[in-house]
Amino acid sequence: MSARELEPQELAEVITTVAGVTVTARSLTDPPTRTFADLGLDSLALLGVVAELSRRYGIPSRAEALECRTPRDLMAFVNDEIRSGV
């Protein structure tokens, strides 16, 4: 498992690659309340993003990750999973 944490730039790259929605690190975090829906991601796109993050970080793909509404929430969730060593 990786000890590094998920940063906005990597999440932007995953979203762009997996979901086909071009975003930047800044667009994911400014404003902090920006949702995945605001960015044009639906639940299926988010499922693909979560699956890729699970693969990259060696963490389980949990249903709770799909409940994250904002990129900040998802980064916090993934980073908590990494830190907990689940």
N, C-alpha and C. Protein backbone atom coordinates (compact mmCIF):
# COMPACT_ATOMS: atom_id res chain seq x y z
N MET A 1 0.84 -1.18 0.00
CA MET A 1 0.00 0.00 0.00
C MET A 1 0.88 1.23 0.00
N SER A 2 0.41 2.26 -0.65
CA SER A 2 1.17 3.50 -0.77
C SER A 2 1.01 4.35 0.48
N ALA A 3 2.10 4.98 0.91
CA ALA A 3 2.04 5.86 2.06
C ALA A 3 1.69 7.29 1.66
N ARG A 4 1.80 7.58 0.37
CA ARG A 4 1.50 8.94 -0.08
C ARG A 4 0.00 9.18 -0.05
N GLU A 5 -0.37 10.44 -0.02
CA GLU A 5 -1.78 10.80 0.02
C GLU A 5 -2.24 11.32 -1.33
N LEU A 6 -3.53 11.25 -1.52
CA LEU A 6 -4.15 11.76 -2.74
C LEU A 6 -4.15 13.29 -2.70
N GLU A 7 -3.60 13.89 -3.73
CA GLU A 7 -3.54 15.34 -3.86
C GLU A 7 -4.50 15.78 -4.97
N PRO A 8 -4.91 17.04 -4.97
CA PRO A 8 -5.84 17.53 -5.99
C PRO A 8 -5.36 17.28 -7.43
N GLN A 9 -4.08 17.45 -7.69
CA GLN A 9 -3.57 17.26 -9.05
C GLN A 9 -3.79 15.83 -9.55
N GLU A 10 -3.51 14.85 -8.68
CA GLU A 10 -3.70 13.47 -9.08
C GLU A 10 -5.18 13.15 -9.27
N LEU A 11 -6.03 13.68 -8.39
CA LEU A 11 -7.47 13.46 -8.55
C LEU A 11 -7.95 14.06 -9.86
N ALA A 12 -7.45 15.24 -10.20
CA ALA A 12 -7.83 15.87 -11.47
C ALA A 12 -7.42 15.00 -12.65
N GLU A 13 -6.23 14.42 -12.58
CA GLU A 13 -5.76 13.54 -13.66
C GLU A 13 -6.63 12.29 -13.77
N VAL A 14 -7.01 11.72 -12.63
CA VAL A 14 -7.85 10.52 -12.64
C VAL A 14 -9.22 10.85 -13.23
N ILE A 15 -9.81 11.95 -12.81
CA ILE A 15 -11.12 12.34 -13.32
C ILE A 15 -11.06 12.56 -14.82
N THR A 16 -10.04 13.26 -15.27
CA THR A 16 -9.90 13.56 -16.70
C THR A 16 -9.73 12.28 -17.51
N THR A 17 -8.90 11.36 -17.00
CA THR A 17 -8.62 10.11 -17.72
C THR A 17 -9.79 9.14 -17.66
N VAL A 18 -10.32 8.92 -16.48
CA VAL A 18 -11.34 7.88 -16.29
C VAL A 18 -12.73 8.36 -16.70
N ALA A 19 -13.08 9.58 -16.33
CA ALA A 19 -14.43 10.07 -16.58
C ALA A 19 -14.53 10.89 -17.87
N GLY A 20 -13.39 11.28 -18.42
CA GLY A 20 -13.42 12.06 -19.64
C GLY A 20 -13.88 13.49 -19.45
N VAL A 21 -13.82 13.98 -18.22
CA VAL A 21 -14.20 15.35 -17.89
C VAL A 21 -12.93 16.10 -17.54
N THR A 22 -12.58 17.09 -18.33
CA THR A 22 -11.35 17.84 -18.10
C THR A 22 -11.53 18.80 -16.93
N VAL A 23 -10.74 18.57 -15.89
CA VAL A 23 -10.76 19.42 -14.70
C VAL A 23 -9.32 19.72 -14.31
N THR A 24 -9.16 20.74 -13.49
CA THR A 24 -7.85 21.09 -12.96
C THR A 24 -7.88 20.91 -11.44
N ALA A 25 -6.70 20.88 -10.85
CA ALA A 25 -6.63 20.78 -9.40
C ALA A 25 -7.37 21.94 -8.75
N ARG A 26 -7.21 23.11 -9.31
CA ARG A 26 -7.88 24.29 -8.75
C ARG A 26 -9.39 24.20 -8.86
N SER A 27 -9.88 23.70 -10.00
CA SER A 27 -11.33 23.61 -10.18
C SER A 27 -11.95 22.59 -9.22
N LEU A 28 -11.13 21.67 -8.70
CA LEU A 28 -11.64 20.69 -7.74
C LEU A 28 -11.75 21.25 -6.34
N THR A 29 -10.97 22.27 -6.03
CA THR A 29 -10.91 22.76 -4.66
C THR A 29 -11.38 24.19 -4.46
N ASP A 30 -11.65 24.89 -5.53
CA ASP A 30 -12.06 26.29 -5.43
C ASP A 30 -13.30 26.53 -6.27
N PRO A 31 -14.46 26.73 -5.66
CA PRO A 31 -14.71 26.83 -4.23
C PRO A 31 -14.76 25.45 -3.58
N PRO A 32 -14.56 25.39 -2.28
CA PRO A 32 -14.51 24.11 -1.58
C PRO A 32 -15.84 23.35 -1.60
N THR A 33 -16.90 24.05 -1.91
CA THR A 33 -18.23 23.41 -1.94
C THR A 33 -18.61 22.88 -3.32
N ARG A 34 -17.72 23.01 -4.29
CA ARG A 34 -18.01 22.54 -5.65
C ARG A 34 -18.24 21.03 -5.61
N THR A 35 -19.35 20.60 -6.20
CA THR A 35 -19.70 19.18 -6.18
C THR A 35 -19.27 18.50 -7.47
N PHE A 36 -19.30 17.17 -7.43
CA PHE A 36 -19.01 16.41 -8.65
C PHE A 36 -20.05 16.73 -9.72
N ALA A 37 -21.30 16.92 -9.31
CA ALA A 37 -22.35 17.28 -10.27
C ALA A 37 -22.03 18.62 -10.93
N ASP A 38 -21.52 19.57 -10.15
CA ASP A 38 -21.13 20.87 -10.72
C ASP A 38 -20.06 20.70 -11.78
N LEU A 39 -19.21 19.70 -11.62
CA LEU A 39 -18.12 19.44 -12.56
C LEU A 39 -18.57 18.60 -13.77
N GLY A 40 -19.79 18.10 -13.71
CA GLY A 40 -20.31 17.30 -14.81
C GLY A 40 -20.11 15.80 -14.66
N LEU A 41 -19.83 15.35 -13.45
CA LEU A 41 -19.66 13.91 -13.21
C LEU A 41 -20.94 13.32 -12.65
N ASP A 42 -21.38 12.23 -13.25
CA ASP A 42 -22.53 11.52 -12.72
C ASP A 42 -22.05 10.37 -11.84
N SER A 43 -22.99 9.60 -11.32
CA SER A 43 -22.62 8.53 -10.38
C SER A 43 -21.79 7.44 -11.05
N LEU A 44 -22.03 7.16 -12.31
CA LEU A 44 -21.24 6.14 -13.01
C LEU A 44 -19.79 6.60 -13.18
N ALA A 45 -19.61 7.87 -13.52
CA ALA A 45 -18.25 8.42 -13.64
C ALA A 45 -17.54 8.38 -12.30
N LEU A 46 -18.26 8.72 -11.24
CA LEU A 46 -17.66 8.69 -9.91
C LEU A 46 -17.28 7.27 -9.52
N LEU A 47 -18.08 6.30 -9.89
CA LEU A 47 -17.76 4.89 -9.62
C LEU A 47 -16.43 4.51 -10.28
N GLY A 48 -16.22 4.94 -11.51
CA GLY A 48 -14.96 4.68 -12.19
C GLY A 48 -13.79 5.35 -11.52
N VAL A 49 -13.97 6.57 -11.07
CA VAL A 49 -12.92 7.31 -10.37
C VAL A 49 -12.56 6.60 -9.07
N VAL A 50 -13.57 6.19 -8.31
CA VAL A 50 -13.33 5.50 -7.04
C VAL A 50 -12.61 4.18 -7.28
N ALA A 51 -13.01 3.45 -8.31
CA ALA A 51 -12.35 2.18 -8.62
C ALA A 51 -10.87 2.39 -8.96
N GLU A 52 -10.58 3.43 -9.74
CA GLU A 52 -9.18 3.71 -10.09
C GLU A 52 -8.37 4.12 -8.86
N LEU A 53 -8.95 4.94 -8.00
CA LEU A 53 -8.24 5.34 -6.78
C LEU A 53 -8.00 4.13 -5.88
N SER A 54 -8.96 3.24 -5.82
CA SER A 54 -8.81 2.01 -5.03
C SER A 54 -7.65 1.19 -5.56
N ARG A 55 -7.55 1.08 -6.87
CA ARG A 55 -6.47 0.33 -7.50
C ARG A 55 -5.12 0.98 -7.22
N ARG A 56 -5.05 2.29 -7.40
CA ARG A 56 -3.77 3.01 -7.23
C ARG A 56 -3.26 2.98 -5.80
N TYR A 57 -4.18 3.09 -4.85
CA TYR A 57 -3.77 3.23 -3.47
C TYR A 57 -3.90 1.94 -2.66
N GLY A 58 -4.39 0.90 -3.29
CA GLY A 58 -4.50 -0.38 -2.59
C GLY A 58 -5.47 -0.37 -1.44
N ILE A 59 -6.52 0.43 -1.59
CA ILE A 59 -7.54 0.50 -0.55
C ILE A 59 -8.83 -0.13 -1.08
N PRO A 60 -9.67 -0.62 -0.19
CA PRO A 60 -10.92 -1.21 -0.65
C PRO A 60 -11.81 -0.15 -1.31
N SER A 61 -12.55 -0.57 -2.30
CA SER A 61 -13.52 0.32 -2.93
C SER A 61 -14.80 0.25 -2.11
N ARG A 62 -15.01 1.22 -1.29
CA ARG A 62 -16.15 1.22 -0.36
C ARG A 62 -17.32 2.03 -0.91
N ALA A 63 -18.52 1.57 -0.60
CA ALA A 63 -19.73 2.28 -1.02
C ALA A 63 -19.76 3.70 -0.46
N GLU A 64 -19.16 3.88 0.72
CA GLU A 64 -19.15 5.22 1.34
C GLU A 64 -18.45 6.25 0.46
N ALA A 65 -17.48 5.80 -0.32
CA ALA A 65 -16.77 6.73 -1.21
C ALA A 65 -17.73 7.33 -2.23
N LEU A 66 -18.72 6.56 -2.64
CA LEU A 66 -19.68 7.04 -3.62
C LEU A 66 -20.65 8.06 -3.04
N GLU A 67 -20.68 8.16 -1.72
CA GLU A 67 -21.53 9.14 -1.06
C GLU A 67 -20.86 10.50 -0.97
N CYS A 68 -19.58 10.58 -1.29
CA CYS A 68 -18.86 11.86 -1.28
C CYS A 68 -19.44 12.74 -2.38
N ARG A 69 -19.80 13.94 -2.02
CA ARG A 69 -20.43 14.85 -2.99
C ARG A 69 -19.45 15.85 -3.60
N THR A 70 -18.32 16.06 -2.91
CA THR A 70 -17.35 17.03 -3.40
C THR A 70 -15.99 16.36 -3.55
N PRO A 71 -15.15 16.91 -4.43
CA PRO A 71 -13.78 16.38 -4.53
C PRO A 71 -13.03 16.45 -3.20
N ARG A 72 -13.24 17.50 -2.43
CA ARG A 72 -12.58 17.60 -1.12
C ARG A 72 -13.01 16.46 -0.21
N ASP A 73 -14.31 16.15 -0.22
CA ASP A 73 -14.80 15.03 0.59
C ASP A 73 -14.16 13.72 0.16
N LEU A 74 -14.06 13.50 -1.15
CA LEU A 74 -13.47 12.26 -1.65
C LEU A 74 -11.99 12.17 -1.29
N MET A 75 -11.26 13.27 -1.43
CA MET A 75 -9.85 13.25 -1.06
C MET A 75 -9.68 12.95 0.42
N ALA A 76 -10.52 13.55 1.26
CA ALA A 76 -10.45 13.29 2.70
C ALA A 76 -10.75 11.82 2.99
N PHE A 77 -11.77 11.27 2.33
CA PHE A 77 -12.13 9.88 2.53
C PHE A 77 -10.98 8.96 2.14
N VAL A 78 -10.44 9.15 0.94
CA VAL A 78 -9.34 8.31 0.47
C VAL A 78 -8.13 8.44 1.38
N ASN A 79 -7.79 9.66 1.77
CA ASN A 79 -6.63 9.85 2.62
C ASN A 79 -6.83 9.24 4.01
N ASP A 80 -8.05 9.28 4.53
CA ASP A 80 -8.33 8.60 5.79
C ASP A 80 -8.14 7.09 5.65
N GLU A 81 -8.58 6.54 4.52
CA GLU A 81 -8.41 5.11 4.27
C GLU A 81 -6.92 4.75 4.19
N ILE A 82 -6.15 5.60 3.52
CA ILE A 82 -4.70 5.35 3.40
C ILE A 82 -4.05 5.38 4.78
N ARG A 83 -4.38 6.41 5.55
CA ARG A 83 -3.77 6.55 6.88
C ARG A 83 -4.17 5.42 7.83
N SER A 84 -5.38 4.92 7.68
CA SER A 84 -5.85 3.85 8.58
C SER A 84 -5.26 2.51 8.20
N GLY A 85 -4.71 2.43 7.00
CA GLY A 85 -4.08 1.18 6.55
C GLY A 85 -5.08 0.08 6.26
N VAL A 86 -6.30 0.48 5.97
CA VAL A 86 -7.36 -0.52 5.68
C VAL A 86 -7.05 -1.24 4.41
